């Protein structure tokens, strides 16, 4: 995923690379998010389903870089959860 992200980031100054909050094994992508953000890539971190995930992603992002954090609020509602943990 890192190699692909670095390649995609070269496509333009206005390109944000989409990185899911977890990989296909259900493991956190926070270490990858931290690395790519520190390298200066603009990221769109997606598939966030909880407040806990928002906090993890926020801590992983380089504060001086712009980023998009996409919370899937509709998906949270689909799970019948009434609160984000």
C-alpha atoms as a PDB file:
ATOM      1  CA  UNK A   1       0.000   0.000   0.000  1.00  0.00           C
ATOM      2  CA  UNK A   2       2.882   2.394   0.785  1.00  0.00           C
ATOM      3  CA  UNK A   3       4.456   1.986  -2.649  1.00  0.00           C
ATOM      4  CA  UNK A   4       1.139   2.633  -4.367  1.00  0.00           C
ATOM      5  CA  UNK A   5       0.442   5.666  -2.171  1.00  0.00           C
ATOM      6  CA  UNK A   6       3.797   7.215  -3.019  1.00  0.00           C
ATOM      7  CA  UNK A   7       3.188   6.685  -6.735  1.00  0.00           C
ATOM      8  CA  UNK A   8      -0.330   8.118  -6.648  1.00  0.00           C
ATOM      9  CA  UNK A   9       0.877  11.179  -4.740  1.00  0.00           C
ATOM     10  CA  UNK A  10       3.065  12.128  -7.718  1.00  0.00           C
ATOM     11  CA  UNK A  11       0.043  12.582  -9.979  1.00  0.00           C
ATOM     12  CA  UNK A  12      -0.531  16.183  -8.908  1.00  0.00           C
ATOM     13  CA  UNK A  13      -0.276  18.815  -6.194  1.00  0.00           C
ATOM     14  CA  UNK A  14      -4.006  18.540  -5.511  1.00  0.00           C
ATOM     15  CA  UNK A  15      -4.045  14.742  -5.144  1.00  0.00           C
ATOM     16  CA  UNK A  16      -4.983  13.248  -1.791  1.00  0.00           C
ATOM     17  CA  UNK A  17      -4.140   9.560  -1.423  1.00  0.00           C
ATOM     18  CA  UNK A  18      -6.941   7.457   0.019  1.00  0.00           C
ATOM     19  CA  UNK A  19      -5.827   5.187   2.867  1.00  0.00           C
ATOM     20  CA  UNK A  20      -8.318   3.061   4.836  1.00  0.00           C
ATOM     21  CA  UNK A  21      -8.156   3.260   8.622  1.00  0.00           C
ATOM     22  CA  UNK A  22      -7.700  -0.540   8.718  1.00  0.00           C
ATOM     23  CA  UNK A  23      -6.291  -3.001   6.199  1.00  0.00           C
ATOM     24  CA  UNK A  24      -8.032  -6.102   4.841  1.00  0.00           C
ATOM     25  CA  UNK A  25      -6.825  -8.055   7.893  1.00  0.00           C
ATOM     26  CA  UNK A  26      -8.549  -5.589  10.237  1.00  0.00           C
ATOM     27  CA  UNK A  27      -5.215  -4.159  11.414  1.00  0.00           C
ATOM     28  CA  UNK A  28      -4.783  -0.436  12.016  1.00  0.00           C
ATOM     29  CA  UNK A  29      -3.085   1.530   9.245  1.00  0.00           C
ATOM     30  CA  UNK A  30      -1.956   4.186  11.762  1.00  0.00           C
ATOM     31  CA  UNK A  31       1.760   3.329  11.357  1.00  0.00           C
ATOM     32  CA  UNK A  32       1.460   3.687   7.568  1.00  0.00           C
ATOM     33  CA  UNK A  33      -0.567   6.883   7.942  1.00  0.00           C
ATOM     34  CA  UNK A  34       2.119   8.323  10.225  1.00  0.00           C
ATOM     35  CA  UNK A  35       4.933   7.407   7.811  1.00  0.00           C
ATOM     36  CA  UNK A  36       3.211   8.770   4.717  1.00  0.00           C
ATOM     37  CA  UNK A  37       2.120  11.936   6.488  1.00  0.00           C
ATOM     38  CA  UNK A  38       5.672  12.537   7.752  1.00  0.00           C
ATOM     39  CA  UNK A  39       6.882  12.084   4.154  1.00  0.00           C
ATOM     40  CA  UNK A  40       4.588  14.928   3.125  1.00  0.00           C
ATOM     41  CA  UNK A  41       1.864  13.004   1.310  1.00  0.00           C
ATOM     42  CA  UNK A  42      -1.607  14.501   1.394  1.00  0.00           C
ATOM     43  CA  UNK A  43      -3.936  11.813   2.750  1.00  0.00           C
ATOM     44  CA  UNK A  44      -7.641  11.026   2.805  1.00  0.00           C
ATOM     45  CA  UNK A  45      -8.052   8.509   5.606  1.00  0.00           C
ATOM     46  CA  UNK A  46     -11.313   6.638   5.053  1.00  0.00           C
ATOM     47  CA  UNK A  47     -13.692   4.054   6.464  1.00  0.00           C
ATOM     48  CA  UNK A  48     -13.568   5.529   9.960  1.00  0.00           C
ATOM     49  CA  UNK A  49     -16.408   4.145  12.045  1.00  0.00           C
ATOM     50  CA  UNK A  50     -15.671   5.310  15.599  1.00  0.00           C
ATOM     51  CA  UNK A  51     -14.451   8.228  17.669  1.00  0.00           C
ATOM     52  CA  UNK A  52     -11.564   6.025  18.817  1.00  0.00           C
ATOM     53  CA  UNK A  53     -10.434   5.647  15.201  1.00  0.00           C
ATOM     54  CA  UNK A  54     -10.686   9.417  14.676  1.00  0.00           C
ATOM     55  CA  UNK A  55      -8.389   9.958  17.657  1.00  0.00           C
ATOM     56  CA  UNK A  56      -5.879   7.370  16.442  1.00  0.00           C
ATOM     57  CA  UNK A  57      -5.781   8.912  12.963  1.00  0.00           C
ATOM     58  CA  UNK A  58      -5.501  12.461  14.309  1.00  0.00           C
ATOM     59  CA  UNK A  59      -2.513  11.411  16.433  1.00  0.00           C
ATOM     60  CA  UNK A  60      -0.861   9.731  13.422  1.00  0.00           C
ATOM     61  CA  UNK A  61      -1.149  12.721  11.078  1.00  0.00           C
ATOM     62  CA  UNK A  62       1.611  15.289  10.772  1.00  0.00           C
ATOM     63  CA  UNK A  63       0.029  18.513  12.100  1.00  0.00           C
ATOM     64  CA  UNK A  64       1.604  20.733   9.434  1.00  0.00           C
ATOM     65  CA  UNK A  65       0.162  18.698   6.518  1.00  0.00           C
ATOM     66  CA  UNK A  66      -3.351  18.957   5.224  1.00  0.00           C
ATOM     67  CA  UNK A  67      -5.443  15.811   5.423  1.00  0.00           C
ATOM     68  CA  UNK A  68      -8.999  14.637   5.036  1.00  0.00           C
ATOM     69  CA  UNK A  69     -10.452  12.347   7.701  1.00  0.00           C
ATOM     70  CA  UNK A  70     -13.579  10.661   6.310  1.00  0.00           C
ATOM     71  CA  UNK A  71     -15.961   9.464   9.002  1.00  0.00           C
ATOM     72  CA  UNK A  72     -18.553   7.076   7.610  1.00  0.00           C
ATOM     73  CA  UNK A  73     -21.429   8.326   9.764  1.00  0.00           C
ATOM     74  CA  UNK A  74     -24.052   6.552   7.654  1.00  0.00           C
ATOM     75  CA  UNK A  75     -22.248   3.275   8.108  1.00  0.00           C
ATOM     76  CA  UNK A  76     -22.177   3.831  11.862  1.00  0.00           C
ATOM     77  CA  UNK A  77     -25.954   4.243  11.773  1.00  0.00           C
ATOM     78  CA  UNK A  78     -26.223   1.031   9.720  1.00  0.00           C
ATOM     79  CA  UNK A  79     -24.620  -0.894  12.583  1.00  0.00           C
ATOM     80  CA  UNK A  80     -27.428   0.244  14.926  1.00  0.00           C
ATOM     81  CA  UNK A  81     -24.931   1.846  17.288  1.00  0.00           C
ATOM     82  CA  UNK A  82     -26.339   4.907  18.992  1.00  0.00           C
ATOM     83  CA  UNK A  83     -22.967   6.246  20.165  1.00  0.00           C
ATOM     84  CA  UNK A  84     -19.464   6.441  18.743  1.00  0.00           C
ATOM     85  CA  UNK A  85     -16.909   4.934  21.125  1.00  0.00           C
END
